[in-house]
Each structure stands twice: as C-alpha cells, then as structure tokens.
Amino acid sequence: MYAIEQLTEADLPLYRDHMKRHFAKEDDQEGIIYHPLTDFSYFDTDEFIQNNSKSLQKKLNEEQWHRVWVVKDQQNIIAHINLKGGRLSTMLHRTSLGIGIESNYRGKGLGKKLMSFAITWAREQKFIWLDLYVHAQNYKAMNLYKKLGFNEIGTTKDSFRVNGVSIDDTHMTLKL
C-alpha cells in the first residue's frame, strides 16, 4: 500500500526527478497527451528548486502558496498531487489542483486516493472551490473527477499544441 506524504524541502530534488520522468513520457498507449510541455529544461535548473521552496513556505492566506503531497516507491517519488493559491488575494477562497502519476503506476488506484486526500484537505482548510484543468481527451481522468463531484465549466478549444497536436483543455470545479 502506498502512503501519501507531504513534500518537504529535503525532497525537492526527488520531486524534480519525478517531474522529469513524468513529463518525459508525453503520452500513453492510447495516444493521450497528459501535459502541454515540450521543453523540460526548467526542471534541471536551480530556479525550479528555489521557486518551489519559496511557494511551499507561504501561508495559505498568501498569494501563490503551494502544497504538494507525494507517493514514493522505495526512495523515488512516483506520483504527486499539488494545490496552489491564486495570484491575487481575492482568489484565495479557491485552490487549483494538479496531479501527476508516472505511467508505470497508473491504473492502481493512486489517482483516486490522491484526489480524495486533496479534497479532504481542502475542505479542512475551509476553501470554497477546488479547480482543475484536464486535457479533454483524457477521458479516464475526467470520469474520475466527475465521480468525485467535479463539474465541467467549459473547454478551451486548441488550448495547446504539443508537437503539432491540438489539445483542448477542460476546466472542472468542485464546490466544497
């Protein structure tokens, strides 16, 4: 059974390695593209560590706070879920969610476990809305989010182009 742990500053190098592995795998056997990045060099910079360190230290009533929880397989981080505060103080009643599971660990219930954890944490912190964006062709993730109570708000057509492939992005939200 995999345990969920809060990311610490000491784990930031492991988090960076996880992000590099996660983002390096652009799609799966079904051709689903999970993220909009084509340049991963940011993960190799000190800026990645510094920016995450700063945002992890921020309080929840500060703009651009960030919390990350991870799942490890022995010593490697294999999955993460993160919540972020808005760019403006007037947005701090909402939090944005991001999730990433390395391809070899998908389909094992980690997504549901991480999502349930994040929803519970956000409720305990008294947030009112939980927002996420998901690529419209990622039907498995969208179905999970709907089962957890998220509603589709809208879709931005041709939001990203990854290696020439147009990707629509769907905004979903959950009222806590």
N, C-alpha and C. Protein backbone atom coordinates (compact mmCIF):
# COMPACT_ATOMS: atom_id res chain seq x y z
N MET A 1 0.85 -1.19 0.00
CA MET A 1 0.00 0.00 0.00
C MET A 1 0.89 1.25 0.00
N TYR A 2 0.53 2.20 -0.79
CA TYR A 2 1.31 3.42 -0.91
C TYR A 2 0.80 4.47 0.07
N ALA A 3 1.74 5.13 0.75
CA ALA A 3 1.40 6.18 1.70
C ALA A 3 1.57 7.54 1.04
N ILE A 4 0.73 8.48 1.43
CA ILE A 4 0.81 9.86 0.95
C ILE A 4 1.58 10.66 1.98
N GLU A 5 2.62 11.37 1.53
CA GLU A 5 3.45 12.17 2.41
C GLU A 5 3.49 13.60 1.89
N GLN A 6 3.53 14.56 2.80
CA GLN A 6 3.70 15.94 2.37
C GLN A 6 5.14 16.15 1.92
N LEU A 7 5.30 16.83 0.80
CA LEU A 7 6.62 17.14 0.26
C LEU A 7 7.34 18.09 1.20
N THR A 8 8.59 17.78 1.48
CA THR A 8 9.43 18.66 2.29
C THR A 8 10.50 19.27 1.39
N GLU A 9 11.16 20.29 1.89
CA GLU A 9 12.25 20.90 1.11
C GLU A 9 13.34 19.88 0.82
N ALA A 10 13.58 18.98 1.74
CA ALA A 10 14.61 17.97 1.53
C ALA A 10 14.26 17.04 0.35
N ASP A 11 12.97 16.90 0.07
CA ASP A 11 12.52 16.04 -1.02
C ASP A 11 12.48 16.74 -2.38
N LEU A 12 12.80 18.03 -2.43
CA LEU A 12 12.69 18.75 -3.69
C LEU A 12 13.54 18.16 -4.82
N PRO A 13 14.76 17.69 -4.56
CA PRO A 13 15.50 17.04 -5.66
C PRO A 13 14.79 15.77 -6.17
N LEU A 14 14.20 14.99 -5.27
CA LEU A 14 13.44 13.80 -5.69
C LEU A 14 12.19 14.21 -6.48
N TYR A 15 11.56 15.29 -6.05
CA TYR A 15 10.38 15.82 -6.74
C TYR A 15 10.77 16.25 -8.16
N ARG A 16 11.89 16.93 -8.28
CA ARG A 16 12.37 17.35 -9.60
C ARG A 16 12.59 16.13 -10.49
N ASP A 17 13.22 15.08 -9.95
CA ASP A 17 13.46 13.87 -10.74
C ASP A 17 12.14 13.23 -11.17
N HIS A 18 11.17 13.20 -10.26
CA HIS A 18 9.84 12.66 -10.59
C HIS A 18 9.21 13.48 -11.71
N MET A 19 9.25 14.79 -11.59
CA MET A 19 8.63 15.64 -12.61
C MET A 19 9.29 15.41 -13.97
N LYS A 20 10.59 15.26 -14.00
CA LYS A 20 11.30 14.99 -15.26
C LYS A 20 10.84 13.66 -15.86
N ARG A 21 10.74 12.62 -15.03
CA ARG A 21 10.28 11.33 -15.54
C ARG A 21 8.83 11.41 -16.00
N HIS A 22 8.00 12.05 -15.19
CA HIS A 22 6.58 12.15 -15.51
C HIS A 22 6.35 12.92 -16.81
N PHE A 23 7.01 14.06 -16.96
CA PHE A 23 6.80 14.87 -18.14
C PHE A 23 7.52 14.34 -19.37
N ALA A 24 8.56 13.54 -19.19
CA ALA A 24 9.27 12.99 -20.34
C ALA A 24 8.41 11.98 -21.09
N LYS A 25 7.46 11.37 -20.41
CA LYS A 25 6.54 10.42 -21.04
C LYS A 25 5.34 11.20 -21.52
N GLU A 26 5.36 11.60 -22.79
CA GLU A 26 4.34 12.51 -23.32
C GLU A 26 2.95 11.89 -23.41
N ASP A 27 2.88 10.63 -23.80
CA ASP A 27 1.56 10.04 -23.99
C ASP A 27 1.60 8.58 -23.58
N ASP A 28 0.44 7.94 -23.65
CA ASP A 28 0.37 6.53 -23.30
C ASP A 28 0.05 5.70 -24.55
N GLN A 29 -0.25 4.44 -24.35
CA GLN A 29 -0.53 3.56 -25.47
C GLN A 29 -1.75 4.01 -26.27
N GLU A 30 -2.64 4.72 -25.65
CA GLU A 30 -3.85 5.19 -26.32
C GLU A 30 -3.63 6.54 -27.01
N GLY A 31 -2.42 7.07 -26.91
CA GLY A 31 -2.12 8.34 -27.58
C GLY A 31 -2.57 9.56 -26.80
N ILE A 32 -2.96 9.40 -25.54
CA ILE A 32 -3.41 10.54 -24.74
C ILE A 32 -2.18 11.33 -24.29
N ILE A 33 -2.20 12.62 -24.54
CA ILE A 33 -1.13 13.51 -24.09
C ILE A 33 -1.58 14.10 -22.76
N TYR A 34 -0.74 13.94 -21.75
CA TYR A 34 -1.13 14.32 -20.40
C TYR A 34 -0.71 15.72 -19.97
N HIS A 35 0.19 16.34 -20.70
CA HIS A 35 0.67 17.66 -20.28
C HIS A 35 1.06 18.47 -21.51
N PRO A 36 1.13 19.79 -21.36
CA PRO A 36 1.41 20.66 -22.51
C PRO A 36 2.88 21.02 -22.71
N LEU A 37 3.78 20.43 -21.96
CA LEU A 37 5.18 20.83 -22.06
C LEU A 37 5.92 20.09 -23.16
N THR A 38 6.80 20.81 -23.83
CA THR A 38 7.70 20.17 -24.80
C THR A 38 9.16 20.45 -24.45
N ASP A 39 9.39 21.38 -23.54
CA ASP A 39 10.74 21.72 -23.08
C ASP A 39 10.80 21.47 -21.58
N PHE A 40 11.65 20.55 -21.18
CA PHE A 40 11.73 20.16 -19.78
C PHE A 40 12.95 20.72 -19.07
N SER A 41 13.65 21.64 -19.71
CA SER A 41 14.90 22.15 -19.16
C SER A 41 14.70 22.90 -17.84
N TYR A 42 13.50 23.45 -17.60
CA TYR A 42 13.22 24.15 -16.34
C TYR A 42 13.47 23.24 -15.13
N PHE A 43 13.16 21.96 -15.28
CA PHE A 43 13.34 21.02 -14.17
C PHE A 43 14.80 20.83 -13.79
N ASP A 44 15.71 21.13 -14.71
CA ASP A 44 17.13 20.98 -14.44
C ASP A 44 17.77 22.23 -13.85
N THR A 45 16.99 23.22 -13.55
CA THR A 45 17.53 24.48 -13.05
C THR A 45 17.40 24.60 -11.53
N ASP A 46 18.25 25.43 -10.96
CA ASP A 46 18.12 25.75 -9.53
C ASP A 46 16.83 26.54 -9.30
N GLU A 47 16.38 27.25 -10.32
CA GLU A 47 15.15 28.04 -10.22
C GLU A 47 13.95 27.15 -9.85
N PHE A 48 13.89 25.95 -10.41
CA PHE A 48 12.81 25.02 -10.06
C PHE A 48 12.78 24.76 -8.56
N ILE A 49 13.95 24.43 -8.00
CA ILE A 49 14.05 24.16 -6.56
C ILE A 49 13.71 25.42 -5.76
N GLN A 50 14.28 26.56 -6.14
CA GLN A 50 14.07 27.81 -5.40
C GLN A 50 12.60 28.24 -5.43
N ASN A 51 11.98 28.21 -6.59
CA ASN A 51 10.57 28.62 -6.70
C ASN A 51 9.66 27.73 -5.88
N ASN A 52 9.89 26.43 -5.93
CA ASN A 52 9.07 25.51 -5.14
C ASN A 52 9.33 25.70 -3.66
N SER A 53 10.57 25.93 -3.29
CA SER A 53 10.90 26.14 -1.89
C SER A 53 10.16 27.37 -1.35
N LYS A 54 10.19 28.47 -2.10
CA LYS A 54 9.51 29.70 -1.67
C LYS A 54 8.00 29.50 -1.54
N SER A 55 7.39 28.88 -2.54
CA SER A 55 5.93 28.75 -2.52
C SER A 55 5.46 27.75 -1.46
N LEU A 56 6.28 26.73 -1.16
CA LEU A 56 5.93 25.77 -0.12
C LEU A 56 5.95 26.41 1.27
N GLN A 57 6.75 27.45 1.44
CA GLN A 57 6.86 28.12 2.74
C GLN A 57 5.74 29.14 2.98
N LYS A 58 5.03 29.51 1.94
CA LYS A 58 4.00 30.54 2.09
C LYS A 58 2.81 30.00 2.88
N LYS A 59 2.18 30.89 3.61
CA LYS A 59 0.97 30.56 4.35
C LYS A 59 -0.21 30.54 3.40
N LEU A 60 -1.28 29.87 3.79
CA LEU A 60 -2.45 29.72 2.93
C LEU A 60 -3.19 31.03 2.67
N ASN A 61 -2.90 32.06 3.44
CA ASN A 61 -3.54 33.36 3.20
C ASN A 61 -2.64 34.28 2.37
N GLU A 62 -1.58 33.72 1.77
CA GLU A 62 -0.68 34.48 0.91
C GLU A 62 -0.86 34.04 -0.54
N GLU A 63 -0.71 35.00 -1.46
CA GLU A 63 -0.81 34.67 -2.87
C GLU A 63 0.26 33.65 -3.25
N GLN A 64 -0.12 32.78 -4.16
CA GLN A 64 0.77 31.80 -4.78
C GLN A 64 1.41 30.83 -3.79
N TRP A 65 0.68 30.48 -2.72
CA TRP A 65 1.14 29.41 -1.86
C TRP A 65 1.03 28.10 -2.65
N HIS A 66 1.70 27.08 -2.14
CA HIS A 66 1.77 25.81 -2.85
C HIS A 66 1.95 24.69 -1.83
N ARG A 67 1.18 23.62 -1.96
CA ARG A 67 1.37 22.43 -1.13
C ARG A 67 1.41 21.22 -2.07
N VAL A 68 2.31 20.30 -1.77
CA VAL A 68 2.48 19.11 -2.59
C VAL A 68 2.51 17.89 -1.67
N TRP A 69 1.82 16.85 -2.10
CA TRP A 69 1.88 15.55 -1.43
C TRP A 69 2.36 14.55 -2.46
N VAL A 70 3.13 13.59 -2.00
CA VAL A 70 3.75 12.63 -2.91
C VAL A 70 3.53 11.21 -2.44
N VAL A 71 3.70 10.30 -3.38
CA VAL A 71 3.71 8.87 -3.10
C VAL A 71 5.07 8.37 -3.56
N LYS A 72 5.71 7.59 -2.70
CA LYS A 72 7.03 7.06 -3.02
C LYS A 72 6.96 5.54 -3.20
N ASP A 73 7.81 5.04 -4.08
CA ASP A 73 8.03 3.62 -4.24
C ASP A 73 9.49 3.41 -3.85
N GLN A 74 9.71 2.91 -2.69
CA GLN A 74 11.04 2.84 -2.09
C GLN A 74 11.56 4.28 -1.92
N GLN A 75 12.57 4.70 -2.68
CA GLN A 75 13.11 6.04 -2.49
C GLN A 75 12.70 7.04 -3.56
N ASN A 76 12.01 6.61 -4.60
CA ASN A 76 11.61 7.52 -5.68
C ASN A 76 10.18 7.99 -5.51
N ILE A 77 9.95 9.24 -5.83
CA ILE A 77 8.58 9.75 -5.90
C ILE A 77 8.00 9.27 -7.21
N ILE A 78 6.81 8.68 -7.14
CA ILE A 78 6.17 8.12 -8.33
C ILE A 78 4.87 8.84 -8.70
N ALA A 79 4.36 9.63 -7.77
CA ALA A 79 3.10 10.35 -8.02
C ALA A 79 3.06 11.57 -7.11
N HIS A 80 2.31 12.57 -7.55
CA HIS A 80 2.15 13.77 -6.72
C HIS A 80 0.75 14.36 -6.95
N ILE A 81 0.36 15.15 -5.99
CA ILE A 81 -0.82 16.00 -6.14
C ILE A 81 -0.45 17.32 -5.50
N ASN A 82 -0.81 18.40 -6.16
CA ASN A 82 -0.49 19.70 -5.59
C ASN A 82 -1.70 20.62 -5.63
N LEU A 83 -1.74 21.49 -4.64
CA LEU A 83 -2.76 22.53 -4.56
C LEU A 83 -2.04 23.86 -4.51
N LYS A 84 -2.62 24.83 -5.19
CA LYS A 84 -1.99 26.16 -5.27
C LYS A 84 -3.02 27.23 -5.00
N GLY A 85 -2.52 28.32 -4.38
CA GLY A 85 -3.33 29.50 -4.17
C GLY A 85 -3.22 30.44 -5.36
N GLY A 86 -4.18 31.32 -5.49
CA GLY A 86 -4.24 32.23 -6.62
C GLY A 86 -3.17 33.31 -6.63
N ARG A 87 -3.12 34.00 -7.76
CA ARG A 87 -2.15 35.08 -7.95
C ARG A 87 -2.55 36.34 -7.20
N LEU A 88 -3.81 36.46 -6.83
CA LEU A 88 -4.33 37.65 -6.14
C LEU A 88 -4.98 37.24 -4.83
N SER A 89 -4.97 38.12 -3.86
CA SER A 89 -5.59 37.80 -2.57
C SER A 89 -7.09 37.56 -2.70
N THR A 90 -7.70 38.15 -3.70
CA THR A 90 -9.14 37.99 -3.91
C THR A 90 -9.50 36.62 -4.50
N MET A 91 -8.48 35.80 -4.77
CA MET A 91 -8.71 34.46 -5.31
C MET A 91 -8.45 33.37 -4.27
N LEU A 92 -8.14 33.73 -3.06
CA LEU A 92 -7.68 32.76 -2.08
C LEU A 92 -8.78 31.90 -1.46
N HIS A 93 -10.02 32.09 -1.87
CA HIS A 93 -11.10 31.19 -1.44
C HIS A 93 -11.15 29.95 -2.34
N ARG A 94 -10.34 29.96 -3.41
CA ARG A 94 -10.25 28.87 -4.36
C ARG A 94 -8.85 28.27 -4.29
N THR A 95 -8.74 27.03 -4.70
CA THR A 95 -7.43 26.42 -4.85
C THR A 95 -7.43 25.61 -6.14
N SER A 96 -6.28 25.58 -6.80
CA SER A 96 -6.13 24.85 -8.05
C SER A 96 -5.37 23.57 -7.80
N LEU A 97 -5.80 22.51 -8.45
CA LEU A 97 -5.25 21.19 -8.25
C LEU A 97 -4.49 20.72 -9.48
N GLY A 98 -3.37 20.07 -9.26
CA GLY A 98 -2.63 19.38 -10.30
C GLY A 98 -2.24 18.01 -9.80
N ILE A 99 -2.21 17.05 -10.68
CA ILE A 99 -1.88 15.68 -10.28
C ILE A 99 -1.03 15.05 -11.37
N GLY A 100 -0.10 14.22 -10.96
CA GLY A 100 0.73 13.50 -11.92
C GLY A 100 1.14 12.15 -11.37
N ILE A 101 0.92 11.12 -12.17
CA ILE A 101 1.28 9.77 -11.79
C ILE A 101 2.14 9.20 -12.91
N GLU A 102 3.32 8.72 -12.55
CA GLU A 102 4.19 8.15 -13.58
C GLU A 102 3.49 6.97 -14.24
N SER A 103 3.75 6.81 -15.52
CA SER A 103 2.98 5.88 -16.36
C SER A 103 2.95 4.44 -15.82
N ASN A 104 4.03 3.96 -15.25
CA ASN A 104 4.05 2.58 -14.74
C ASN A 104 3.16 2.36 -13.53
N TYR A 105 2.66 3.45 -12.93
CA TYR A 105 1.88 3.34 -11.70
C TYR A 105 0.42 3.75 -11.90
N ARG A 106 0.03 4.03 -13.13
CA ARG A 106 -1.36 4.39 -13.41
C ARG A 106 -2.23 3.13 -13.37
N GLY A 107 -3.51 3.34 -13.07
CA GLY A 107 -4.45 2.23 -13.04
C GLY A 107 -4.38 1.39 -11.78
N LYS A 108 -3.74 1.91 -10.75
CA LYS A 108 -3.60 1.17 -9.49
C LYS A 108 -4.36 1.84 -8.34
N GLY A 109 -5.20 2.82 -8.66
CA GLY A 109 -5.99 3.49 -7.62
C GLY A 109 -5.31 4.69 -6.99
N LEU A 110 -4.09 5.03 -7.43
CA LEU A 110 -3.39 6.17 -6.83
C LEU A 110 -4.09 7.48 -7.10
N GLY A 111 -4.64 7.64 -8.30
CA GLY A 111 -5.33 8.88 -8.65
C GLY A 111 -6.50 9.15 -7.71
N LYS A 112 -7.33 8.15 -7.51
CA LYS A 112 -8.49 8.31 -6.62
C LYS A 112 -8.04 8.58 -5.19
N LYS A 113 -7.00 7.86 -4.76
CA LYS A 113 -6.50 8.05 -3.39
C LYS A 113 -5.96 9.47 -3.20
N LEU A 114 -5.16 9.94 -4.15
CA LEU A 114 -4.61 11.30 -4.05
C LEU A 114 -5.70 12.35 -4.14
N MET A 115 -6.64 12.17 -5.06
CA MET A 115 -7.73 13.14 -5.21
C MET A 115 -8.57 13.22 -3.93
N SER A 116 -8.92 12.08 -3.37
CA SER A 116 -9.72 12.06 -2.13
C SER A 116 -8.97 12.76 -1.00
N PHE A 117 -7.68 12.51 -0.91
CA PHE A 117 -6.85 13.16 0.10
C PHE A 117 -6.89 14.68 -0.08
N ALA A 118 -6.68 15.16 -1.31
CA ALA A 118 -6.64 16.61 -1.58
C ALA A 118 -7.99 17.26 -1.31
N ILE A 119 -9.07 16.60 -1.69
CA ILE A 119 -10.41 17.15 -1.45
C ILE A 119 -10.65 17.29 0.05
N THR A 120 -10.31 16.27 0.80
CA THR A 120 -10.48 16.32 2.26
C THR A 120 -9.64 17.44 2.86
N TRP A 121 -8.38 17.55 2.44
CA TRP A 121 -7.50 18.59 2.97
C TRP A 121 -8.07 19.98 2.64
N ALA A 122 -8.51 20.19 1.41
CA ALA A 122 -9.05 21.50 1.01
C ALA A 122 -10.30 21.84 1.82
N ARG A 123 -11.15 20.86 2.08
CA ARG A 123 -12.33 21.10 2.92
C ARG A 123 -11.93 21.48 4.33
N GLU A 124 -10.95 20.76 4.87
CA GLU A 124 -10.50 21.05 6.24
C GLU A 124 -9.91 22.45 6.36
N GLN A 125 -9.33 22.95 5.28
CA GLN A 125 -8.75 24.30 5.28
C GLN A 125 -9.79 25.37 4.98
N LYS A 126 -11.03 24.96 4.74
CA LYS A 126 -12.17 25.88 4.52
C LYS A 126 -12.13 26.59 3.16
N PHE A 127 -11.52 25.96 2.16
CA PHE A 127 -11.62 26.52 0.81
C PHE A 127 -13.04 26.31 0.33
N ILE A 128 -13.47 27.15 -0.60
CA ILE A 128 -14.84 27.06 -1.09
C ILE A 128 -14.89 26.33 -2.43
N TRP A 129 -13.88 26.52 -3.25
CA TRP A 129 -13.84 25.91 -4.58
C TRP A 129 -12.51 25.22 -4.81
N LEU A 130 -12.57 24.09 -5.50
CA LEU A 130 -11.39 23.37 -5.94
C LEU A 130 -11.46 23.27 -7.46
N ASP A 131 -10.47 23.83 -8.14
CA ASP A 131 -10.44 23.90 -9.60
C ASP A 131 -9.36 23.00 -10.17
N LEU A 132 -9.60 22.51 -11.37
CA LEU A 132 -8.57 21.77 -12.10
C LEU A 132 -8.81 21.94 -13.59
N TYR A 133 -7.77 21.66 -14.33
CA TYR A 133 -7.84 21.64 -15.79
C TYR A 133 -7.36 20.27 -16.23
N VAL A 134 -8.01 19.71 -17.22
CA VAL A 134 -7.65 18.39 -17.73
C VAL A 134 -7.79 18.42 -19.24
N HIS A 135 -6.84 17.78 -19.92
CA HIS A 135 -6.94 17.71 -21.37
C HIS A 135 -8.21 16.94 -21.72
N ALA A 136 -8.98 17.48 -22.63
CA ALA A 136 -10.32 16.97 -22.93
C ALA A 136 -10.32 15.52 -23.40
N GLN A 137 -9.23 15.05 -23.98
CA GLN A 137 -9.21 13.67 -24.45
C GLN A 137 -8.81 12.69 -23.35
N ASN A 138 -8.52 13.17 -22.16
CA ASN A 138 -8.14 12.31 -21.04
C ASN A 138 -9.42 11.86 -20.32
N TYR A 139 -10.15 10.96 -20.99
CA TYR A 139 -11.47 10.54 -20.51
C TYR A 139 -11.42 9.81 -19.17
N LYS A 140 -10.37 9.02 -18.94
CA LYS A 140 -10.28 8.30 -17.67
C LYS A 140 -10.22 9.28 -16.50
N ALA A 141 -9.37 10.30 -16.63
CA ALA A 141 -9.25 11.29 -15.56
C ALA A 141 -10.56 12.06 -15.41
N MET A 142 -11.15 12.48 -16.53
CA MET A 142 -12.40 13.24 -16.44
C MET A 142 -13.49 12.42 -15.76
N ASN A 143 -13.57 11.14 -16.06
CA ASN A 143 -14.57 10.29 -15.42
C ASN A 143 -14.33 10.18 -13.92
N LEU A 144 -13.06 10.06 -13.51
CA LEU A 144 -12.75 10.03 -12.08
C LEU A 144 -13.17 11.33 -11.42
N TYR A 145 -12.83 12.45 -12.03
CA TYR A 145 -13.17 13.75 -11.45
C TYR A 145 -14.69 13.91 -11.31
N LYS A 146 -15.43 13.47 -12.31
CA LYS A 146 -16.89 13.54 -12.25
C LYS A 146 -17.43 12.67 -11.11
N LYS A 147 -16.88 11.46 -10.95
CA LYS A 147 -17.31 10.58 -9.86
C LYS A 147 -17.05 11.21 -8.50
N LEU A 148 -16.02 12.05 -8.43
CA LEU A 148 -15.68 12.71 -7.17
C LEU A 148 -16.46 14.01 -6.96
N GLY A 149 -17.34 14.35 -7.91
CA GLY A 149 -18.21 15.51 -7.74
C GLY A 149 -17.84 16.75 -8.54
N PHE A 150 -16.79 16.70 -9.33
CA PHE A 150 -16.41 17.85 -10.14
C PHE A 150 -17.39 18.03 -11.30
N ASN A 151 -17.60 19.29 -11.65
CA ASN A 151 -18.46 19.64 -12.78
C ASN A 151 -17.63 20.35 -13.83
N GLU A 152 -17.96 20.09 -15.10
CA GLU A 152 -17.30 20.79 -16.20
C GLU A 152 -17.82 22.21 -16.28
N ILE A 153 -16.90 23.16 -16.38
CA ILE A 153 -17.25 24.57 -16.50
C ILE A 153 -17.20 25.00 -17.96
N GLY A 154 -16.22 24.48 -18.67
CA GLY A 154 -16.07 24.82 -20.08
C GLY A 154 -14.79 24.23 -20.64
N THR A 155 -14.67 24.32 -21.95
CA THR A 155 -13.50 23.78 -22.63
C THR A 155 -12.91 24.85 -23.54
N THR A 156 -11.61 25.01 -23.46
CA THR A 156 -10.90 25.91 -24.36
C THR A 156 -10.39 25.07 -25.52
N LYS A 157 -10.94 25.32 -26.69
CA LYS A 157 -10.52 24.60 -27.89
C LYS A 157 -9.12 25.02 -28.28
N ASP A 158 -8.33 24.06 -28.73
CA ASP A 158 -6.98 24.31 -29.25
C ASP A 158 -6.14 25.10 -28.25
N SER A 159 -6.27 24.75 -26.97
CA SER A 159 -5.57 25.46 -25.91
C SER A 159 -4.06 25.28 -26.01
N PHE A 160 -3.64 24.09 -26.39
CA PHE A 160 -2.22 23.78 -26.51
C PHE A 160 -1.97 23.10 -27.85
N ARG A 161 -0.73 23.21 -28.30
CA ARG A 161 -0.27 22.42 -29.44
C ARG A 161 1.04 21.78 -29.04
N VAL A 162 0.98 20.47 -28.90
CA VAL A 162 2.14 19.69 -28.48
C VAL A 162 2.61 18.87 -29.67
N ASN A 163 3.78 19.21 -30.16
CA ASN A 163 4.34 18.52 -31.32
C ASN A 163 3.33 18.44 -32.47
N GLY A 164 2.65 19.56 -32.69
CA GLY A 164 1.71 19.66 -33.79
C GLY A 164 0.32 19.13 -33.51
N VAL A 165 0.09 18.59 -32.32
CA VAL A 165 -1.22 18.05 -31.95
C VAL A 165 -1.99 19.10 -31.17
N SER A 166 -3.19 19.42 -31.64
CA SER A 166 -4.06 20.37 -30.95
C SER A 166 -4.73 19.68 -29.76
N ILE A 167 -4.69 20.35 -28.61
CA ILE A 167 -5.27 19.79 -27.39
C ILE A 167 -6.27 20.78 -26.81
N ASP A 168 -7.47 20.29 -26.57
CA ASP A 168 -8.49 21.08 -25.88
C ASP A 168 -8.30 20.89 -24.38
N ASP A 169 -8.55 21.94 -23.61
CA ASP A 169 -8.38 21.88 -22.16
C ASP A 169 -9.71 22.16 -21.49
N THR A 170 -10.12 21.27 -20.59
CA THR A 170 -11.40 21.39 -19.91
C THR A 170 -11.21 21.84 -18.47
N HIS A 171 -11.96 22.86 -18.08
CA HIS A 171 -11.93 23.39 -16.71
C HIS A 171 -13.05 22.69 -15.94
N MET A 172 -12.67 22.14 -14.79
CA MET A 172 -13.65 21.49 -13.93
C MET A 172 -13.51 22.09 -12.53
N THR A 173 -14.61 22.07 -11.79
CA THR A 173 -14.58 22.64 -10.45
C THR A 173 -15.47 21.83 -9.51
N LEU A 174 -15.13 21.91 -8.23
CA LEU A 174 -15.89 21.24 -7.18
C LEU A 174 -16.17 22.26 -6.10
N LYS A 175 -17.45 22.45 -5.79
CA LYS A 175 -17.80 23.32 -4.66
C LYS A 175 -17.65 22.49 -3.39
N LEU A 176 -16.79 22.99 -2.52
CA LEU A 176 -16.50 22.26 -1.27
C LEU A 176 -17.51 22.64 -0.21
